[in-house]
Amino acid sequence: MRRLAADFRVLVAAPNRSCRGACGTDRKCDVTGLWLLNESCDVIVHAVPGCRRCVTATAAVYADGALPGMDAVGDRCWRAYPHYISCDTISDRYRRFCVCRRYST
């Protein structure tokens, strides 16, 4: 958790927005950071503002591949399982959790 906080910025994207788009022009989505965030619900609840409760998604819930994330409406957060994590996926059901790293100059 400490490494995640020190190296990355965690944000919640709008529905139908990928992490590549949400990270902006001065940062890039970092898959390693997404893996660190997705390690446990404890990490997610601690790192993501507004996340009050967290559950691990089943394969049926996770069919669109847009996790880890938060319901588009409400405060329920989802940990990705199975562990397919991408910076490019979008969803209208979830707001993506994005881990963004500043570009090196």
PDB file of N, CA and C in Angstrom:
ATOM      1  N   MET A   1       0.819  -1.189   0.000  1.00  0.00           N
ATOM      2  CA  MET A   1       0.000   0.000   0.000  1.00  0.00           C
ATOM      3  C   MET A   1       0.867   1.259   0.000  1.00  0.00           C
ATOM      4  N   ARG A   2       1.929   1.255   0.763  1.00  0.00           N
ATOM      5  CA  ARG A   2       2.803   2.423   0.829  1.00  0.00           C
ATOM      6  C   ARG A   2       3.415   2.721  -0.536  1.00  0.00           C
ATOM      7  N   ARG A   3       3.850   1.663  -1.243  1.00  0.00           N
ATOM      8  CA  ARG A   3       4.433   1.853  -2.573  1.00  0.00           C
ATOM      9  C   ARG A   3       3.401   2.419  -3.525  1.00  0.00           C
ATOM     10  N   LEU A   4       2.163   1.931  -3.441  1.00  0.00           N
ATOM     11  CA  LEU A   4       1.105   2.426  -4.307  1.00  0.00           C
ATOM     12  C   LEU A   4       0.896   3.919  -4.086  1.00  0.00           C
ATOM     13  N   ALA A   5       0.868   4.352  -2.845  1.00  0.00           N
ATOM     14  CA  ALA A   5       0.653   5.762  -2.538  1.00  0.00           C
ATOM     15  C   ALA A   5       1.834   6.624  -2.971  1.00  0.00           C
ATOM     16  N   ALA A   6       3.047   6.109  -2.860  1.00  0.00           N
ATOM     17  CA  ALA A   6       4.228   6.901  -3.175  1.00  0.00           C
ATOM     18  C   ALA A   6       4.474   7.029  -4.676  1.00  0.00           C
ATOM     19  N   ASP A   7       4.224   5.983  -5.428  1.00  0.00           N
ATOM     20  CA  ASP A   7       4.593   5.960  -6.844  1.00  0.00           C
ATOM     21  C   ASP A   7       3.476   6.360  -7.801  1.00  0.00           C
ATOM     22  N   PHE A   8       2.235   6.266  -7.377  1.00  0.00           N
ATOM     23  CA  PHE A   8       1.114   6.402  -8.298  1.00  0.00           C
ATOM     24  C   PHE A   8       0.044   7.340  -7.755  1.00  0.00           C
ATOM     25  N   ARG A   9      -0.788   7.826  -8.662  1.00  0.00           N
ATOM     26  CA  ARG A   9      -1.992   8.578  -8.305  1.00  0.00           C
ATOM     27  C   ARG A   9      -3.188   7.701  -8.658  1.00  0.00           C
ATOM     28  N   VAL A  10      -4.062   7.460  -7.700  1.00  0.00           N
ATOM     29  CA  VAL A  10      -5.249   6.640  -7.922  1.00  0.00           C
ATOM     30  C   VAL A  10      -6.436   7.574  -8.142  1.00  0.00           C
ATOM     31  N   LEU A  11      -7.204   7.314  -9.206  1.00  0.00           N
ATOM     32  CA  LEU A  11      -8.403   8.109  -9.455  1.00  0.00           C
ATOM     33  C   LEU A  11      -9.538   7.211  -9.917  1.00  0.00           C
ATOM     34  N   VAL A  12     -10.748   7.750  -9.865  1.00  0.00           N
ATOM     35  CA  VAL A  12     -11.936   7.039 -10.317  1.00  0.00           C
ATOM     36  C   VAL A  12     -12.407   7.706 -11.602  1.00  0.00           C
ATOM     37  N   ALA A  13     -12.412   6.949 -12.690  1.00  0.00           N
ATOM     38  CA  ALA A  13     -12.804   7.489 -13.993  1.00  0.00           C
ATOM     39  C   ALA A  13     -14.328   7.590 -14.094  1.00  0.00           C
ATOM     40  N   ALA A  14     -14.796   8.420 -14.977  1.00  0.00           N
ATOM     41  CA  ALA A  14     -16.220   8.515 -15.274  1.00  0.00           C
ATOM     42  C   ALA A  14     -16.667   7.255 -16.009  1.00  0.00           C
ATOM     43  N   PRO A  15     -17.963   6.903 -15.938  1.00  0.00           N
ATOM     44  CA  PRO A  15     -18.435   5.769 -16.744  1.00  0.00           C
ATOM     45  C   PRO A  15     -18.077   5.967 -18.217  1.00  0.00           C
ATOM     46  N   ASN A  16     -17.822   4.876 -18.912  1.00  0.00           N
ATOM     47  CA  ASN A  16     -17.468   4.888 -20.339  1.00  0.00           C
ATOM     48  C   ASN A  16     -16.158   5.620 -20.619  1.00  0.00           C
ATOM     49  N   ARG A  17     -15.275   5.624 -19.646  1.00  0.00           N
ATOM     50  CA  ARG A  17     -13.957   6.239 -19.833  1.00  0.00           C
ATOM     51  C   ARG A  17     -12.878   5.231 -19.457  1.00  0.00           C
ATOM     52  N   SER A  18     -11.911   5.043 -20.334  1.00  0.00           N
ATOM     53  CA  SER A  18     -10.806   4.131 -20.044  1.00  0.00           C
ATOM     54  C   SER A  18      -9.804   4.817 -19.125  1.00  0.00           C
ATOM     55  N   CYS A  19      -8.937   4.032 -18.536  1.00  0.00           N
ATOM     56  CA  CYS A  19      -7.885   4.610 -17.703  1.00  0.00           C
ATOM     57  C   CYS A  19      -6.876   5.383 -18.543  1.00  0.00           C
ATOM     58  N   ARG A  20      -6.642   4.945 -19.772  1.00  0.00           N
ATOM     59  CA  ARG A  20      -5.731   5.704 -20.646  1.00  0.00           C
ATOM     60  C   ARG A  20      -6.246   7.122 -20.832  1.00  0.00           C
ATOM     61  N   GLY A  21      -7.552   7.260 -21.021  1.00  0.00           N
ATOM     62  CA  GLY A  21      -8.140   8.588 -21.182  1.00  0.00           C
ATOM     63  C   GLY A  21      -8.225   9.352 -19.871  1.00  0.00           C
ATOM     64  N   ALA A  22      -8.527   8.670 -18.787  1.00  0.00           N
ATOM     65  CA  ALA A  22      -8.712   9.331 -17.496  1.00  0.00           C
ATOM     66  C   ALA A  22      -7.415   9.847 -16.896  1.00  0.00           C
ATOM     67  N   CYS A  23      -6.300   9.224 -17.208  1.00  0.00           N
ATOM     68  CA  CYS A  23      -5.023   9.643 -16.618  1.00  0.00           C
ATOM     69  C   CYS A  23      -4.541  10.986 -17.159  1.00  0.00           C
ATOM     70  N   GLY A  24      -5.073  11.425 -18.279  1.00  0.00           N
ATOM     71  CA  GLY A  24      -4.726  12.738 -18.809  1.00  0.00           C
ATOM     72  C   GLY A  24      -3.475  12.729 -19.659  1.00  0.00           C
ATOM     73  N   THR A  25      -3.007  13.916 -19.988  1.00  0.00           N
ATOM     74  CA  THR A  25      -1.879  14.041 -20.904  1.00  0.00           C
ATOM     75  C   THR A  25      -0.527  13.999 -20.211  1.00  0.00           C
ATOM     76  N   ASP A  26      -0.483  14.292 -18.906  1.00  0.00           N
ATOM     77  CA  ASP A  26       0.805  14.313 -18.210  1.00  0.00           C
ATOM     78  C   ASP A  26       1.087  13.028 -17.450  1.00  0.00           C
ATOM     79  N   ARG A  27       0.163  12.069 -17.494  1.00  0.00           N
ATOM     80  CA  ARG A  27       0.334  10.789 -16.797  1.00  0.00           C
ATOM     81  C   ARG A  27      -0.072   9.660 -17.735  1.00  0.00           C
ATOM     82  N   LYS A  28       0.356   8.438 -17.383  1.00  0.00           N
ATOM     83  CA  LYS A  28      -0.059   7.280 -18.155  1.00  0.00           C
ATOM     84  C   LYS A  28      -0.588   6.210 -17.198  1.00  0.00           C
ATOM     85  N   CYS A  29      -1.525   5.427 -17.683  1.00  0.00           N
ATOM     86  CA  CYS A  29      -2.063   4.323 -16.903  1.00  0.00           C
ATOM     87  C   CYS A  29      -0.961   3.301 -16.676  1.00  0.00           C
ATOM     88  N   ASP A  30      -0.891   2.781 -15.458  1.00  0.00           N
ATOM     89  CA  ASP A  30       0.159   1.833 -15.105  1.00  0.00           C
ATOM     90  C   ASP A  30      -0.469   0.504 -14.677  1.00  0.00           C
ATOM     91  N   VAL A  31      -0.278  -0.535 -15.495  1.00  0.00           N
ATOM     92  CA  VAL A  31      -0.865  -1.847 -15.209  1.00  0.00           C
ATOM     93  C   VAL A  31      -0.312  -2.434 -13.913  1.00  0.00           C
ATOM     94  N   THR A  32       0.963  -2.234 -13.633  1.00  0.00           N
ATOM     95  CA  THR A  32       1.542  -2.724 -12.383  1.00  0.00           C
ATOM     96  C   THR A  32       0.837  -2.088 -11.194  1.00  0.00           C
ATOM     97  N   GLY A  33       0.561  -0.809 -11.277  1.00  0.00           N
ATOM     98  CA  GLY A  33      -0.176  -0.125 -10.220  1.00  0.00           C
ATOM     99  C   GLY A  33      -1.587  -0.665 -10.063  1.00  0.00           C
ATOM    100  N   LEU A  34      -2.234  -0.992 -11.186  1.00  0.00           N
ATOM    101  CA  LEU A  34      -3.571  -1.602 -11.110  1.00  0.00           C
ATOM    102  C   LEU A  34      -3.517  -2.946 -10.387  1.00  0.00           C
ATOM    103  N   TRP A  35      -2.477  -3.734 -10.659  1.00  0.00           N
ATOM    104  CA  TRP A  35      -2.312  -5.019  -9.968  1.00  0.00           C
ATOM    105  C   TRP A  35      -2.121  -4.804  -8.473  1.00  0.00           C
ATOM    106  N   LEU A  36      -1.324  -3.810  -8.102  1.00  0.00           N
ATOM    107  CA  LEU A  36      -1.116  -3.506  -6.682  1.00  0.00           C
ATOM    108  C   LEU A  36      -2.424  -3.075  -6.021  1.00  0.00           C
ATOM    109  N   LEU A  37      -3.184  -2.235  -6.686  1.00  0.00           N
ATOM    110  CA  LEU A  37      -4.472  -1.784  -6.158  1.00  0.00           C
ATOM    111  C   LEU A  37      -5.434  -2.950  -5.982  1.00  0.00           C
ATOM    112  N   ASN A  38      -5.398  -3.885  -6.924  1.00  0.00           N
ATOM    113  CA  ASN A  38      -6.339  -5.001  -6.942  1.00  0.00           C
ATOM    114  C   ASN A  38      -5.956  -6.144  -5.994  1.00  0.00           C
ATOM    115  N   GLU A  39      -4.856  -6.007  -5.243  1.00  0.00           N
ATOM    116  CA  GLU A  39      -4.399  -7.087  -4.365  1.00  0.00           C
ATOM    117  C   GLU A  39      -5.451  -7.514  -3.351  1.00  0.00           C
ATOM    118  N   SER A  40      -6.199  -6.567  -2.797  1.00  0.00           N
ATOM    119  CA  SER A  40      -7.221  -6.918  -1.806  1.00  0.00           C
ATOM    120  C   SER A  40      -8.235  -5.789  -1.699  1.00  0.00           C
ATOM    121  N   CYS A  41      -9.383  -6.136  -1.144  1.00  0.00           N
ATOM    122  CA  CYS A  41     -10.398  -5.107  -0.888  1.00  0.00           C
ATOM    123  C   CYS A  41      -9.906  -4.104   0.141  1.00  0.00           C
ATOM    124  N   ASP A  42      -9.076  -4.521   1.081  1.00  0.00           N
ATOM    125  CA  ASP A  42      -8.528  -3.595   2.068  1.00  0.00           C
ATOM    126  C   ASP A  42      -7.729  -2.485   1.396  1.00  0.00           C
ATOM    127  N   VAL A  43      -6.927  -2.843   0.409  1.00  0.00           N
ATOM    128  CA  VAL A  43      -6.141  -1.855  -0.327  1.00  0.00           C
ATOM    129  C   VAL A  43      -7.070  -0.908  -1.077  1.00  0.00           C
ATOM    130  N   ILE A  44      -8.071  -1.454  -1.740  1.00  0.00           N
ATOM    131  CA  ILE A  44      -9.003  -0.630  -2.513  1.00  0.00           C
ATOM    132  C   ILE A  44      -9.725   0.361  -1.608  1.00  0.00           C
ATOM    133  N   VAL A  45     -10.290  -0.102  -0.511  1.00  0.00           N
ATOM    134  CA  VAL A  45     -11.041   0.777   0.394  1.00  0.00           C
ATOM    135  C   VAL A  45     -10.131   1.887   0.941  1.00  0.00           C
ATOM    136  N   HIS A  46      -8.891   1.563   1.213  1.00  0.00           N
ATOM    137  CA  HIS A  46      -7.962   2.557   1.741  1.00  0.00           C
ATOM    138  C   HIS A  46      -7.519   3.562   0.678  1.00  0.00           C
ATOM    139  N   ALA A  47      -7.323   3.106  -0.547  1.00  0.00           N
ATOM    140  CA  ALA A  47      -6.723   3.954  -1.587  1.00  0.00           C
ATOM    141  C   ALA A  47      -7.719   4.752  -2.414  1.00  0.00           C
ATOM    142  N   VAL A  48      -8.976   4.311  -2.474  1.00  0.00           N
ATOM    143  CA  VAL A  48      -9.945   4.924  -3.378  1.00  0.00           C
ATOM    144  C   VAL A  48     -10.931   5.789  -2.595  1.00  0.00           C
ATOM    145  N   PRO A  49     -10.925   7.106  -2.841  1.00  0.00           N
ATOM    146  CA  PRO A  49     -11.876   7.984  -2.166  1.00  0.00           C
ATOM    147  C   PRO A  49     -13.321   7.598  -2.510  1.00  0.00           C
ATOM    148  N   GLY A  50     -14.179   7.550  -1.521  1.00  0.00           N
ATOM    149  CA  GLY A  50     -15.587   7.263  -1.745  1.00  0.00           C
ATOM    150  C   GLY A  50     -15.950   5.797  -1.743  1.00  0.00           C
ATOM    151  N   CYS A  51     -14.976   4.909  -1.663  1.00  0.00           N
ATOM    152  CA  CYS A  51     -15.254   3.476  -1.640  1.00  0.00           C
ATOM    153  C   CYS A  51     -15.557   3.064  -0.201  1.00  0.00           C
ATOM    154  N   ARG A  52     -16.798   2.697   0.060  1.00  0.00           N
ATOM    155  CA  ARG A  52     -17.224   2.361   1.414  1.00  0.00           C
ATOM    156  C   ARG A  52     -17.240   0.857   1.671  1.00  0.00           C
ATOM    157  N   ARG A  53     -17.512   0.092   0.630  1.00  0.00           N
ATOM    158  CA  ARG A  53     -17.550  -1.370   0.767  1.00  0.00           C
ATOM    159  C   ARG A  53     -17.012  -1.984  -0.508  1.00  0.00           C
ATOM    160  N   CYS A  54     -16.422  -3.146  -0.376  1.00  0.00           N
ATOM    161  CA  CYS A  54     -15.731  -3.771  -1.505  1.00  0.00           C
ATOM    162  C   CYS A  54     -16.031  -5.264  -1.519  1.00  0.00           C
ATOM    163  N   VAL A  55     -16.213  -5.796  -2.703  1.00  0.00           N
ATOM    164  CA  VAL A  55     -16.406  -7.234  -2.887  1.00  0.00           C
ATOM    165  C   VAL A  55     -15.553  -7.686  -4.067  1.00  0.00           C
ATOM    166  N   THR A  56     -15.204  -8.978  -4.077  1.00  0.00           N
ATOM    167  CA  THR A  56     -14.482  -9.552  -5.204  1.00  0.00           C
ATOM    168  C   THR A  56     -15.501 -10.034  -6.221  1.00  0.00           C
ATOM    169  N   ALA A  57     -15.337  -9.617  -7.456  1.00  0.00           N
ATOM    170  CA  ALA A  57     -16.282  -9.953  -8.516  1.00  0.00           C
ATOM    171  C   ALA A  57     -16.184 -11.424  -8.899  1.00  0.00           C
ATOM    172  N   THR A  58     -17.322 -12.009  -9.231  1.00  0.00           N
ATOM    173  CA  THR A  58     -17.344 -13.345  -9.807  1.00  0.00           C
ATOM    174  C   THR A  58     -17.138 -13.219 -11.315  1.00  0.00           C
ATOM    175  N   ALA A  59     -16.914 -14.321 -11.972  1.00  0.00           N
ATOM    176  CA  ALA A  59     -16.712 -14.306 -13.423  1.00  0.00           C
ATOM    177  C   ALA A  59     -17.927 -13.715 -14.140  1.00  0.00           C
ATOM    178  N   ALA A  60     -19.141 -13.980 -13.665  1.00  0.00           N
ATOM    179  CA  ALA A  60     -20.355 -13.466 -14.306  1.00  0.00           C
ATOM    180  C   ALA A  60     -20.427 -11.940 -14.216  1.00  0.00           C
ATOM    181  N   VAL A  61     -20.104 -11.382 -13.064  1.00  0.00           N
ATOM    182  CA  VAL A  61     -20.121  -9.937 -12.883  1.00  0.00           C
ATOM    183  C   VAL A  61     -19.011  -9.295 -13.696  1.00  0.00           C
ATOM    184  N   TYR A  62     -17.897  -9.993 -13.797  1.00  0.00           N
ATOM    185  CA  TYR A  62     -16.702  -9.438 -14.395  1.00  0.00           C
ATOM    186  C   TYR A  62     -16.650  -9.605 -15.913  1.00  0.00           C
ATOM    187  N   ALA A  63     -17.725  -9.993 -16.525  1.00  0.00           N
ATOM    188  CA  ALA A  63     -17.730 -10.324 -17.948  1.00  0.00           C
ATOM    189  C   ALA A  63     -17.242  -9.193 -18.838  1.00  0.00           C
ATOM    190  N   ASP A  64     -17.459  -7.929 -18.465  1.00  0.00           N
ATOM    191  CA  ASP A  64     -17.032  -6.850 -19.354  1.00  0.00           C
ATOM    192  C   ASP A  64     -15.590  -6.403 -19.115  1.00  0.00           C
ATOM    193  N   GLY A  65     -14.910  -6.953 -18.121  1.00  0.00           N
ATOM    194  CA  GLY A  65     -13.492  -6.695 -17.918  1.00  0.00           C
ATOM    195  C   GLY A  65     -13.134  -5.291 -17.463  1.00  0.00           C
ATOM    196  N   ALA A  66     -14.075  -4.571 -16.869  1.00  0.00           N
ATOM    197  CA  ALA A  66     -13.837  -3.177 -16.494  1.00  0.00           C
ATOM    198  C   ALA A  66     -13.526  -2.992 -15.015  1.00  0.00           C
ATOM    199  N   LEU A  67     -12.954  -3.975 -14.387  1.00  0.00           N
ATOM    200  CA  LEU A  67     -12.650  -3.876 -12.962  1.00  0.00           C
ATOM    201  C   LEU A  67     -11.145  -3.940 -12.747  1.00  0.00           C
ATOM    202  N   PRO A  68     -10.613  -3.464 -11.645  1.00  0.00           N
ATOM    203  CA  PRO A  68     -11.324  -2.998 -10.464  1.00  0.00           C
ATOM    204  C   PRO A  68     -12.030  -1.672 -10.730  1.00  0.00           C
ATOM    205  N   GLY A  69     -13.137  -1.481 -10.026  1.00  0.00           N
ATOM    206  CA  GLY A  69     -13.925  -0.272 -10.224  1.00  0.00           C
ATOM    207  C   GLY A  69     -15.027  -0.136  -9.201  1.00  0.00           C
ATOM    208  N   MET A  70     -15.871   0.857  -9.429  1.00  0.00           N
ATOM    209  CA  MET A  70     -16.974   1.188  -8.541  1.00  0.00           C
ATOM    210  C   MET A  70     -18.249   1.221  -9.375  1.00  0.00           C
ATOM    211  N   ASP A  71     -19.376   0.831  -8.765  1.00  0.00           N
ATOM    212  CA  ASP A  71     -20.640   0.924  -9.477  1.00  0.00           C
ATOM    213  C   ASP A  71     -20.813   2.334 -10.038  1.00  0.00           C
ATOM    214  N   ALA A  72     -21.422   2.449 -11.215  1.00  0.00           N
ATOM    215  CA  ALA A  72     -21.644   3.757 -11.825  1.00  0.00           C
ATOM    216  C   ALA A  72     -22.496   4.642 -10.916  1.00  0.00           C
ATOM    217  N   VAL A  73     -23.406   4.022 -10.178  1.00  0.00           N
ATOM    218  CA  VAL A  73     -24.227   4.728  -9.194  1.00  0.00           C
ATOM    219  C   VAL A  73     -24.046   4.004  -7.870  1.00  0.00           C
ATOM    220  N   GLY A  74     -23.644   4.719  -6.840  1.00  0.00           N
ATOM    221  CA  GLY A  74     -23.459   4.109  -5.528  1.00  0.00           C
ATOM    222  C   GLY A  74     -21.996   4.048  -5.127  1.00  0.00           C
ATOM    223  N   ASP A  75     -21.749   3.389  -3.984  1.00  0.00           N
ATOM    224  CA  ASP A  75     -20.394   3.382  -3.444  1.00  0.00           C
ATOM    225  C   ASP A  75     -19.798   1.980  -3.321  1.00  0.00           C
ATOM    226  N   ARG A  76     -20.434   0.978  -3.950  1.00  0.00           N
ATOM    227  CA  ARG A  76     -19.882  -0.378  -3.880  1.00  0.00           C
ATOM    228  C   ARG A  76     -18.721  -0.505  -4.846  1.00  0.00           C
ATOM    229  N   CYS A  77     -17.609  -0.988  -4.316  1.00  0.00           N
ATOM    230  CA  CYS A  77     -16.400  -1.173  -5.105  1.00  0.00           C
ATOM    231  C   CYS A  77     -16.203  -2.651  -5.412  1.00  0.00           C
ATOM    232  N   TRP A  78     -15.530  -2.892  -6.503  1.00  0.00           N
ATOM    233  CA  TRP A  78     -15.311  -4.255  -6.970  1.00  0.00           C
ATOM    234  C   TRP A  78     -13.829  -4.515  -7.180  1.00  0.00           C
ATOM    235  N   ARG A  79     -13.377  -5.627  -6.654  1.00  0.00           N
ATOM    236  CA  ARG A  79     -12.026  -6.118  -6.915  1.00  0.00           C
ATOM    237  C   ARG A  79     -12.118  -7.066  -8.106  1.00  0.00           C
ATOM    238  N   ALA A  80     -11.182  -6.982  -9.017  1.00  0.00           N
ATOM    239  CA  ALA A  80     -11.222  -7.785 -10.236  1.00  0.00           C
ATOM    240  C   ALA A  80     -10.883  -9.242  -9.963  1.00  0.00           C
ATOM    241  N   TYR A  81     -11.720 -10.126 -10.466  1.00  0.00           N
ATOM    242  CA  TYR A  81     -11.422 -11.555 -10.476  1.00  0.00           C
ATOM    243  C   TYR A  81     -12.249 -12.184 -11.576  1.00  0.00           C
ATOM    244  N   PRO A  82     -11.728 -12.963 -12.464  1.00  0.00           N
ATOM    245  CA  PRO A  82     -10.308 -13.330 -12.542  1.00  0.00           C
ATOM    246  C   PRO A  82      -9.456 -12.111 -12.870  1.00  0.00           C
ATOM    247  N   HIS A  83      -8.185 -12.231 -12.698  1.00  0.00           N
ATOM    248  CA  HIS A  83      -7.284 -11.090 -12.729  1.00  0.00           C
ATOM    249  C   HIS A  83      -6.924 -10.610 -14.136  1.00  0.00           C
ATOM    250  N   TYR A  84      -7.897 -10.290 -14.924  1.00  0.00           N
ATOM    251  CA  TYR A  84      -7.634  -9.651 -16.207  1.00  0.00           C
ATOM    252  C   TYR A  84      -7.743  -8.145 -15.976  1.00  0.00           C
ATOM    253  N   ILE A  85      -6.651  -7.441 -16.118  1.00  0.00           N
ATOM    254  CA  ILE A  85      -6.639  -6.013 -15.845  1.00  0.00           C
ATOM    255  C   ILE A  85      -6.069  -5.297 -17.066  1.00  0.00           C
ATOM    256  N   SER A  86      -6.749  -4.239 -17.470  1.00  0.00           N
ATOM    257  CA  SER A  86      -6.353  -3.501 -18.659  1.00  0.00           C
ATOM    258  C   SER A  86      -6.522  -2.008 -18.431  1.00  0.00           C
ATOM    259  N   CYS A  87      -5.744  -1.224 -19.124  1.00  0.00           N
ATOM    260  CA  CYS A  87      -5.890   0.230 -19.089  1.00  0.00           C
ATOM    261  C   CYS A  87      -6.912   0.725 -20.104  1.00  0.00           C
ATOM    262  N   ASP A  88      -7.351  -0.151 -21.012  1.00  0.00           N
ATOM    263  CA  ASP A  88      -8.166   0.272 -22.141  1.00  0.00           C
ATOM    264  C   ASP A  88      -9.662   0.013 -22.016  1.00  0.00           C
ATOM    265  N   THR A  89     -10.076  -0.826 -21.097  1.00  0.00           N
ATOM    266  CA  THR A  89     -11.476  -1.228 -21.009  1.00  0.00           C
ATOM    267  C   THR A  89     -12.355  -0.084 -20.517  1.00  0.00           C
ATOM    268  N   ILE A  90     -13.574  -0.016 -21.076  1.00  0.00           N
ATOM    269  CA  ILE A  90     -14.571   0.956 -20.620  1.00  0.00           C
ATOM    270  C   ILE A  90     -15.857   0.215 -20.270  1.00  0.00           C
ATOM    271  N   SER A  91     -16.710   0.858 -19.483  1.00  0.00           N
ATOM    272  CA  SER A  91     -17.972   0.245 -19.081  1.00  0.00           C
ATOM    273  C   SER A  91     -18.967   1.330 -18.709  1.00  0.00           C
ATOM    274  N   ASP A  92     -20.240   1.072 -19.000  1.00  0.00           N
ATOM    275  CA  ASP A  92     -21.263   1.986 -18.508  1.00  0.00           C
ATOM    276  C   ASP A  92     -21.788   1.530 -17.145  1.00  0.00           C
ATOM    277  N   ARG A  93     -21.420   0.314 -16.710  1.00  0.00           N
ATOM    278  CA  ARG A  93     -21.853  -0.218 -15.410  1.00  0.00           C
ATOM    279  C   ARG A  93     -20.927   0.173 -14.270  1.00  0.00           C
ATOM    280  N   TYR A  94     -19.652   0.458 -14.586  1.00  0.00           N
ATOM    281  CA  TYR A  94     -18.648   0.744 -13.562  1.00  0.00           C
ATOM    282  C   TYR A  94     -17.853   1.990 -13.886  1.00  0.00           C
ATOM    283  N   ARG A  95     -17.366   2.638 -12.829  1.00  0.00           N
ATOM    284  CA  ARG A  95     -16.369   3.693 -12.956  1.00  0.00           C
ATOM    285  C   ARG A  95     -15.029   3.023 -12.662  1.00  0.00           C
ATOM    286  N   ARG A  96     -14.146   3.048 -13.629  1.00  0.00           N
ATOM    287  CA  ARG A  96     -12.854   2.366 -13.506  1.00  0.00           C
ATOM    288  C   ARG A  96     -11.990   2.988 -12.430  1.00  0.00           C
ATOM    289  N   PHE A  97     -11.276   2.164 -11.679  1.00  0.00           N
ATOM    290  CA  PHE A  97     -10.188   2.646 -10.830  1.00  0.00           C
ATOM    291  C   PHE A  97      -8.964   2.704 -11.719  1.00  0.00           C
ATOM    292  N   CYS A  98      -8.316   3.835 -11.709  1.00  0.00           N
ATOM    293  CA  CYS A  98      -7.142   4.026 -12.557  1.00  0.00           C
ATOM    294  C   CYS A  98      -5.939   4.367 -11.697  1.00  0.00           C
ATOM    295  N   VAL A  99      -4.838   3.779 -12.024  1.00  0.00           N
ATOM    296  CA  VAL A  99      -3.589   4.080 -11.355  1.00  0.00           C
ATOM    297  C   VAL A  99      -2.698   4.746 -12.400  1.00  0.00           C
ATOM    298  N   CYS A 100      -2.374   6.012 -12.148  1.00  0.00           N
ATOM    299  CA  CYS A 100      -1.667   6.819 -13.123  1.00  0.00           C
ATOM    300  C   CYS A 100      -0.282   7.184 -12.592  1.00  0.00           C
ATOM    301  N   ARG A 101       0.684   7.099 -13.467  1.00  0.00           N
ATOM    302  CA  ARG A 101       2.064   7.444 -13.133  1.00  0.00           C
ATOM    303  C   ARG A 101       2.495   8.620 -14.017  1.00  0.00           C
ATOM    304  N   ARG A 102       3.162   9.574 -13.409  1.00  0.00           N
ATOM    305  CA  ARG A 102       3.656  10.728 -14.170  1.00  0.00           C
ATOM    306  C   ARG A 102       4.719  10.265 -15.161  1.00  0.00           C
ATOM    307  N   TYR A 103       4.654  10.835 -16.367  1.00  0.00           N
ATOM    308  CA  TYR A 103       5.676  10.553 -17.378  1.00  0.00           C
ATOM    309  C   TYR A 103       7.032  11.018 -16.870  1.00  0.00           C
ATOM    310  N   SER A 104       8.054  10.257 -17.131  1.00  0.00           N
ATOM    311  CA  SER A 104       9.424  10.684 -16.806  1.00  0.00           C
ATOM    312  C   SER A 104       9.856  11.718 -17.825  1.00  0.00           C
ATOM    313  N   THR A 105      10.597  12.695 -17.353  1.00  0.00           N
ATOM    314  CA  THR A 105      11.071  13.734 -18.279  1.00  0.00           C
ATOM    315  C   THR A 105      12.558  13.667 -18.467  1.00  0.00           C
TER     316      THR A 105
END
